[in-house]
Amino acid sequence: MTENAYVNVESLAKYFGVSTSTIRKWVREGIISRDHYIRAGDTYRYNKEAIEKALTKPKPPKNEEVKVWTAH
């Protein structure tokens, strides 16, 4: 981990080219998981490297076939 791995919300938003509201929304929705930031009171510090890896990780392919179970 680099020396400046944990950054404030403004720096993280600028890095990803989004607003601070978007970062906060990602936290509420779990897009940024709890293990990618630390919180002390009202202050959050985000692990930029871990978040970047999580956001750029390829998603598993969706199963095209939908199986429906019916009771007989």
PDB file of N, CA and C in Angstrom:
ATOM      1  N   MET A   1       0.844  -1.168   0.000  1.00  0.00           N
ATOM      2  CA  MET A   1       0.000   0.000   0.000  1.00  0.00           C
ATOM      3  C   MET A   1       0.895   1.237   0.000  1.00  0.00           C
ATOM      4  N   THR A   2       0.533   2.221  -0.788  1.00  0.00           N
ATOM      5  CA  THR A   2       1.346   3.418  -0.857  1.00  0.00           C
ATOM      6  C   THR A   2       1.057   4.331   0.322  1.00  0.00           C
ATOM      7  N   GLU A   3       1.901   5.325   0.471  1.00  0.00           N
ATOM      8  CA  GLU A   3       1.792   6.237   1.607  1.00  0.00           C
ATOM      9  C   GLU A   3       0.456   6.982   1.629  1.00  0.00           C
ATOM     10  N   ASN A   4      -0.064   7.372   0.465  1.00  0.00           N
ATOM     11  CA  ASN A   4      -1.311   8.133   0.392  1.00  0.00           C
ATOM     12  C   ASN A   4      -2.478   7.263  -0.076  1.00  0.00           C
ATOM     13  N   ALA A   5      -2.491   6.007   0.313  1.00  0.00           N
ATOM     14  CA  ALA A   5      -3.536   5.092  -0.150  1.00  0.00           C
ATOM     15  C   ALA A   5      -4.910   5.507   0.350  1.00  0.00           C
ATOM     16  N   TYR A   6      -4.993   6.039   1.552  1.00  0.00           N
ATOM     17  CA  TYR A   6      -6.285   6.476   2.085  1.00  0.00           C
ATOM     18  C   TYR A   6      -6.451   7.965   1.816  1.00  0.00           C
ATOM     19  N   VAL A   7      -7.544   8.304   1.143  1.00  0.00           N
ATOM     20  CA  VAL A   7      -7.786   9.692   0.749  1.00  0.00           C
ATOM     21  C   VAL A   7      -9.174  10.122   1.215  1.00  0.00           C
ATOM     22  N   ASN A   8      -9.416  11.417   1.229  1.00  0.00           N
ATOM     23  CA  ASN A   8     -10.730  11.929   1.613  1.00  0.00           C
ATOM     24  C   ASN A   8     -11.704  11.809   0.439  1.00  0.00           C
ATOM     25  N   VAL A   9     -12.968  12.093   0.689  1.00  0.00           N
ATOM     26  CA  VAL A   9     -14.010  11.908  -0.319  1.00  0.00           C
ATOM     27  C   VAL A   9     -13.804  12.815  -1.530  1.00  0.00           C
ATOM     28  N   GLU A  10     -13.318  14.027  -1.304  1.00  0.00           N
ATOM     29  CA  GLU A  10     -13.096  14.949  -2.410  1.00  0.00           C
ATOM     30  C   GLU A  10     -12.012  14.427  -3.359  1.00  0.00           C
ATOM     31  N   SER A  11     -10.919  13.937  -2.791  1.00  0.00           N
ATOM     32  CA  SER A  11      -9.834  13.396  -3.618  1.00  0.00           C
ATOM     33  C   SER A  11     -10.287  12.160  -4.387  1.00  0.00           C
ATOM     34  N   LEU A  12     -11.059  11.305  -3.724  1.00  0.00           N
ATOM     35  CA  LEU A  12     -11.542  10.094  -4.382  1.00  0.00           C
ATOM     36  C   LEU A  12     -12.488  10.440  -5.536  1.00  0.00           C
ATOM     37  N   ALA A  13     -13.384  11.377  -5.300  1.00  0.00           N
ATOM     38  CA  ALA A  13     -14.318  11.802  -6.342  1.00  0.00           C
ATOM     39  C   ALA A  13     -13.568  12.391  -7.534  1.00  0.00           C
ATOM     40  N   LYS A  14     -12.591  13.222  -7.260  1.00  0.00           N
ATOM     41  CA  LYS A  14     -11.799  13.825  -8.338  1.00  0.00           C
ATOM     42  C   LYS A  14     -11.057  12.744  -9.118  1.00  0.00           C
ATOM     43  N   TYR A  15     -10.495  11.779  -8.434  1.00  0.00           N
ATOM     44  CA  TYR A  15      -9.741  10.697  -9.071  1.00  0.00           C
ATOM     45  C   TYR A  15     -10.625   9.911 -10.050  1.00  0.00           C
ATOM     46  N   PHE A  16     -11.871   9.611  -9.632  1.00  0.00           N
ATOM     47  CA  PHE A  16     -12.769   8.834 -10.480  1.00  0.00           C
ATOM     48  C   PHE A  16     -13.621   9.700 -11.410  1.00  0.00           C
ATOM     49  N   GLY A  17     -13.510  11.015 -11.287  1.00  0.00           N
ATOM     50  CA  GLY A  17     -14.250  11.913 -12.167  1.00  0.00           C
ATOM     51  C   GLY A  17     -15.743  11.933 -11.884  1.00  0.00           C
ATOM     52  N   VAL A  18     -16.101  11.783 -10.612  1.00  0.00           N
ATOM     53  CA  VAL A  18     -17.506  11.814 -10.197  1.00  0.00           C
ATOM     54  C   VAL A  18     -17.657  12.821  -9.071  1.00  0.00           C
ATOM     55  N   SER A  19     -18.894  13.060  -8.660  1.00  0.00           N
ATOM     56  CA  SER A  19     -19.136  13.990  -7.555  1.00  0.00           C
ATOM     57  C   SER A  19     -18.966  13.288  -6.210  1.00  0.00           C
ATOM     58  N   THR A  20     -18.832  14.076  -5.162  1.00  0.00           N
ATOM     59  CA  THR A  20     -18.755  13.501  -3.820  1.00  0.00           C
ATOM     60  C   THR A  20     -20.072  12.805  -3.465  1.00  0.00           C
ATOM     61  N   SER A  21     -21.183  13.312  -4.010  1.00  0.00           N
ATOM     62  CA  SER A  21     -22.478  12.662  -3.779  1.00  0.00           C
ATOM     63  C   SER A  21     -22.494  11.254  -4.358  1.00  0.00           C
ATOM     64  N   THR A  22     -21.847  11.069  -5.492  1.00  0.00           N
ATOM     65  CA  THR A  22     -21.773   9.744  -6.111  1.00  0.00           C
ATOM     66  C   THR A  22     -20.970   8.794  -5.236  1.00  0.00           C
ATOM     67  N   ILE A  23     -19.857   9.266  -4.689  1.00  0.00           N
ATOM     68  CA  ILE A  23     -19.049   8.420  -3.797  1.00  0.00           C
ATOM     69  C   ILE A  23     -19.891   8.009  -2.595  1.00  0.00           C
ATOM     70  N   ARG A  24     -20.597   8.947  -2.001  1.00  0.00           N
ATOM     71  CA  ARG A  24     -21.426   8.638  -0.832  1.00  0.00           C
ATOM     72  C   ARG A  24     -22.555   7.664  -1.193  1.00  0.00           C
ATOM     73  N   LYS A  25     -23.105   7.823  -2.386  1.00  0.00           N
ATOM     74  CA  LYS A  25     -24.142   6.896  -2.854  1.00  0.00           C
ATOM     75  C   LYS A  25     -23.561   5.496  -3.013  1.00  0.00           C
ATOM     76  N   TRP A  26     -22.347   5.389  -3.576  1.00  0.00           N
ATOM     77  CA  TRP A  26     -21.694   4.089  -3.743  1.00  0.00           C
ATOM     78  C   TRP A  26     -21.478   3.417  -2.389  1.00  0.00           C
ATOM     79  N   VAL A  27     -21.171   4.204  -1.364  1.00  0.00           N
ATOM     80  CA  VAL A  27     -20.999   3.642  -0.020  1.00  0.00           C
ATOM     81  C   VAL A  27     -22.343   3.124   0.495  1.00  0.00           C
ATOM     82  N   ARG A  28     -23.395   3.934   0.374  1.00  0.00           N
ATOM     83  CA  ARG A  28     -24.735   3.517   0.845  1.00  0.00           C
ATOM     84  C   ARG A  28     -25.220   2.261   0.138  1.00  0.00           C
ATOM     85  N   GLU A  29     -24.932   2.150  -1.154  1.00  0.00           N
ATOM     86  CA  GLU A  29     -25.407   1.017  -1.952  1.00  0.00           C
ATOM     87  C   GLU A  29     -24.491  -0.200  -1.867  1.00  0.00           C
ATOM     88  N   GLY A  30     -23.369  -0.054  -1.168  1.00  0.00           N
ATOM     89  CA  GLY A  30     -22.459  -1.181  -1.021  1.00  0.00           C
ATOM     90  C   GLY A  30     -21.514  -1.381  -2.189  1.00  0.00           C
ATOM     91  N   ILE A  31     -21.523  -0.471  -3.150  1.00  0.00           N
ATOM     92  CA  ILE A  31     -20.588  -0.559  -4.275  1.00  0.00           C
ATOM     93  C   ILE A  31     -19.165  -0.387  -3.755  1.00  0.00           C
ATOM     94  N   ILE A  32     -19.005   0.519  -2.814  1.00  0.00           N
ATOM     95  CA  ILE A  32     -17.752   0.636  -2.068  1.00  0.00           C
ATOM     96  C   ILE A  32     -18.005  -0.094  -0.758  1.00  0.00           C
ATOM     97  N   SER A  33     -17.373  -1.242  -0.598  1.00  0.00           N
ATOM     98  CA  SER A  33     -17.648  -2.070   0.577  1.00  0.00           C
ATOM     99  C   SER A  33     -16.960  -1.519   1.824  1.00  0.00           C
ATOM    100  N   ARG A  34     -17.441  -1.957   2.956  1.00  0.00           N
ATOM    101  CA  ARG A  34     -16.965  -1.470   4.257  1.00  0.00           C
ATOM    102  C   ARG A  34     -15.473  -1.697   4.459  1.00  0.00           C
ATOM    103  N   ASP A  35     -14.925  -2.729   3.868  1.00  0.00           N
ATOM    104  CA  ASP A  35     -13.497  -2.990   4.058  1.00  0.00           C
ATOM    105  C   ASP A  35     -12.608  -2.113   3.176  1.00  0.00           C
ATOM    106  N   HIS A  36     -13.216  -1.197   2.402  1.00  0.00           N
ATOM    107  CA  HIS A  36     -12.438  -0.290   1.548  1.00  0.00           C
ATOM    108  C   HIS A  36     -12.356   1.136   2.092  1.00  0.00           C
ATOM    109  N   TYR A  37     -12.892   1.362   3.271  1.00  0.00           N
ATOM    110  CA  TYR A  37     -12.762   2.686   3.879  1.00  0.00           C
ATOM    111  C   TYR A  37     -12.717   2.553   5.397  1.00  0.00           C
ATOM    112  N   ILE A  38     -12.212   3.604   6.020  1.00  0.00           N
ATOM    113  CA  ILE A  38     -12.212   3.676   7.473  1.00  0.00           C
ATOM    114  C   ILE A  38     -13.012   4.910   7.878  1.00  0.00           C
ATOM    115  N   ARG A  39     -13.617   4.825   9.037  1.00  0.00           N
ATOM    116  CA  ARG A  39     -14.447   5.924   9.517  1.00  0.00           C
ATOM    117  C   ARG A  39     -14.077   6.243  10.951  1.00  0.00           C
ATOM    118  N   ALA A  40     -13.908   7.537  11.213  1.00  0.00           N
ATOM    119  CA  ALA A  40     -13.669   8.019  12.567  1.00  0.00           C
ATOM    120  C   ALA A  40     -14.621   9.185  12.791  1.00  0.00           C
ATOM    121  N   GLY A  41     -15.693   8.931  13.523  1.00  0.00           N
ATOM    122  CA  GLY A  41     -16.716   9.964  13.701  1.00  0.00           C
ATOM    123  C   GLY A  41     -17.406  10.233  12.379  1.00  0.00           C
ATOM    124  N   ASP A  42     -17.365  11.481  11.946  1.00  0.00           N
ATOM    125  CA  ASP A  42     -17.958  11.862  10.659  1.00  0.00           C
ATOM    126  C   ASP A  42     -16.930  11.881   9.535  1.00  0.00           C
ATOM    127  N   THR A  43     -15.711  11.462   9.814  1.00  0.00           N
ATOM    128  CA  THR A  43     -14.640  11.511   8.823  1.00  0.00           C
ATOM    129  C   THR A  43     -14.435  10.136   8.201  1.00  0.00           C
ATOM    130  N   TYR A  44     -14.426  10.102   6.881  1.00  0.00           N
ATOM    131  CA  TYR A  44     -14.175   8.872   6.138  1.00  0.00           C
ATOM    132  C   TYR A  44     -12.865   9.030   5.382  1.00  0.00           C
ATOM    133  N   ARG A  45     -12.102   7.942   5.326  1.00  0.00           N
ATOM    134  CA  ARG A  45     -10.904   7.880   4.490  1.00  0.00           C
ATOM    135  C   ARG A  45     -11.023   6.611   3.658  1.00  0.00           C
ATOM    136  N   TYR A  46     -10.809   6.768   2.359  1.00  0.00           N
ATOM    137  CA  TYR A  46     -11.044   5.696   1.406  1.00  0.00           C
ATOM    138  C   TYR A  46      -9.740   5.133   0.868  1.00  0.00           C
ATOM    139  N   ASN A  47      -9.677   3.816   0.749  1.00  0.00           N
ATOM    140  CA  ASN A  47      -8.508   3.153   0.183  1.00  0.00           C
ATOM    141  C   ASN A  47      -8.658   3.174  -1.329  1.00  0.00           C
ATOM    142  N   LYS A  48      -8.016   4.146  -1.945  1.00  0.00           N
ATOM    143  CA  LYS A  48      -8.166   4.390  -3.376  1.00  0.00           C
ATOM    144  C   LYS A  48      -7.772   3.180  -4.212  1.00  0.00           C
ATOM    145  N   GLU A  49      -6.668   2.538  -3.868  1.00  0.00           N
ATOM    146  CA  GLU A  49      -6.191   1.387  -4.646  1.00  0.00           C
ATOM    147  C   GLU A  49      -7.183   0.223  -4.580  1.00  0.00           C
ATOM    148  N   ALA A  50      -7.693  -0.073  -3.395  1.00  0.00           N
ATOM    149  CA  ALA A  50      -8.635  -1.183  -3.231  1.00  0.00           C
ATOM    150  C   ALA A  50      -9.949  -0.893  -3.949  1.00  0.00           C
ATOM    151  N   ILE A  51     -10.405   0.349  -3.894  1.00  0.00           N
ATOM    152  CA  ILE A  51     -11.651   0.719  -4.564  1.00  0.00           C
ATOM    153  C   ILE A  51     -11.486   0.632  -6.070  1.00  0.00           C
ATOM    154  N   GLU A  52     -10.357   1.088  -6.567  1.00  0.00           N
ATOM    155  CA  GLU A  52     -10.118   1.011  -8.010  1.00  0.00           C
ATOM    156  C   GLU A  52     -10.120  -0.440  -8.479  1.00  0.00           C
ATOM    157  N   LYS A  53      -9.474  -1.321  -7.722  1.00  0.00           N
ATOM    158  CA  LYS A  53      -9.465  -2.742  -8.085  1.00  0.00           C
ATOM    159  C   LYS A  53     -10.875  -3.313  -8.061  1.00  0.00           C
ATOM    160  N   ALA A  54     -11.650  -2.960  -7.042  1.00  0.00           N
ATOM    161  CA  ALA A  54     -13.011  -3.486  -6.922  1.00  0.00           C
ATOM    162  C   ALA A  54     -13.906  -2.984  -8.059  1.00  0.00           C
ATOM    163  N   LEU A  55     -13.742  -1.721  -8.442  1.00  0.00           N
ATOM    164  CA  LEU A  55     -14.590  -1.149  -9.488  1.00  0.00           C
ATOM    165  C   LEU A  55     -14.203  -1.633 -10.881  1.00  0.00           C
ATOM    166  N   THR A  56     -12.964  -2.040 -11.065  1.00  0.00           N
ATOM    167  CA  THR A  56     -12.519  -2.471 -12.393  1.00  0.00           C
ATOM    168  C   THR A  56     -12.461  -3.983 -12.530  1.00  0.00           C
ATOM    169  N   LYS A  57     -12.796  -4.695 -11.450  1.00  0.00           N
ATOM    170  CA  LYS A  57     -12.802  -6.154 -11.483  1.00  0.00           C
ATOM    171  C   LYS A  57     -13.895  -6.617 -12.440  1.00  0.00           C
ATOM    172  N   PRO A  58     -13.572  -7.532 -13.360  1.00  0.00           N
ATOM    173  CA  PRO A  58     -14.609  -8.012 -14.278  1.00  0.00           C
ATOM    174  C   PRO A  58     -15.726  -8.727 -13.519  1.00  0.00           C
ATOM    175  N   LYS A  59     -16.924  -8.455 -13.930  1.00  0.00           N
ATOM    176  CA  LYS A  59     -18.077  -9.099 -13.305  1.00  0.00           C
ATOM    177  C   LYS A  59     -18.271 -10.475 -13.933  1.00  0.00           C
ATOM    178  N   PRO A  60     -18.715 -11.457 -13.144  1.00  0.00           N
ATOM    179  CA  PRO A  60     -18.958 -12.780 -13.714  1.00  0.00           C
ATOM    180  C   PRO A  60     -20.108 -12.715 -14.713  1.00  0.00           C
ATOM    181  N   PRO A  61     -20.053 -13.544 -15.761  1.00  0.00           N
ATOM    182  CA  PRO A  61     -21.132 -13.501 -16.757  1.00  0.00           C
ATOM    183  C   PRO A  61     -22.458 -13.936 -16.143  1.00  0.00           C
ATOM    184  N   LYS A  62     -23.508 -13.295 -16.594  1.00  0.00           N
ATOM    185  CA  LYS A  62     -24.842 -13.646 -16.108  1.00  0.00           C
ATOM    186  C   LYS A  62     -25.300 -14.917 -16.806  1.00  0.00           C
ATOM    187  N   ASN A  63     -25.984 -15.741 -16.071  1.00  0.00           N
ATOM    188  CA  ASN A  63     -26.523 -16.966 -16.633  1.00  0.00           C
ATOM    189  C   ASN A  63     -27.735 -16.592 -17.480  1.00  0.00           C
ATOM    190  N   GLU A  64     -27.652 -16.846 -18.763  1.00  0.00           N
ATOM    191  CA  GLU A  64     -28.723 -16.485 -19.683  1.00  0.00           C
ATOM    192  C   GLU A  64     -29.981 -17.321 -19.443  1.00  0.00           C
ATOM    193  N   GLU A  65     -29.788 -18.568 -19.050  1.00  0.00           N
ATOM    194  CA  GLU A  65     -30.910 -19.469 -18.862  1.00  0.00           C
ATOM    195  C   GLU A  65     -31.509 -19.270 -17.480  1.00  0.00           C
ATOM    196  N   VAL A  66     -32.796 -19.074 -17.433  1.00  0.00           N
ATOM    197  CA  VAL A  66     -33.493 -18.913 -16.169  1.00  0.00           C
ATOM    198  C   VAL A  66     -34.273 -20.192 -15.911  1.00  0.00           C
ATOM    199  N   LYS A  67     -33.998 -20.822 -14.790  1.00  0.00           N
ATOM    200  CA  LYS A  67     -34.694 -22.048 -14.443  1.00  0.00           C
ATOM    201  C   LYS A  67     -35.812 -21.715 -13.473  1.00  0.00           C
ATOM    202  N   VAL A  68     -36.983 -22.209 -13.777  1.00  0.00           N
ATOM    203  CA  VAL A  68     -38.145 -21.958 -12.936  1.00  0.00           C
ATOM    204  C   VAL A  68     -38.562 -23.267 -12.297  1.00  0.00           C
ATOM    205  N   TRP A  69     -38.677 -23.260 -11.002  1.00  0.00           N
ATOM    206  CA  TRP A  69     -39.074 -24.455 -10.279  1.00  0.00           C
ATOM    207  C   TRP A  69     -40.568 -24.390 -10.034  1.00  0.00           C
ATOM    208  N   THR A  70     -41.242 -25.445 -10.344  1.00  0.00           N
ATOM    209  CA  THR A  70     -42.682 -25.495 -10.086  1.00  0.00           C
ATOM    210  C   THR A  70     -42.995 -26.731  -9.260  1.00  0.00           C
ATOM    211  N   ALA A  71     -43.937 -26.605  -8.372  1.00  0.00           N
ATOM    212  CA  ALA A  71     -44.366 -27.742  -7.550  1.00  0.00           C
ATOM    213  C   ALA A  71     -45.356 -28.585  -8.348  1.00  0.00           C
ATOM    214  N   HIS A  72     -45.233 -29.873  -8.245  1.00  0.00           N
ATOM    215  CA  HIS A  72     -46.161 -30.774  -8.967  1.00  0.00           C
ATOM    216  C   HIS A  72     -47.153 -31.361  -8.023  1.00  0.00           C
TER     217      HIS A  72
END
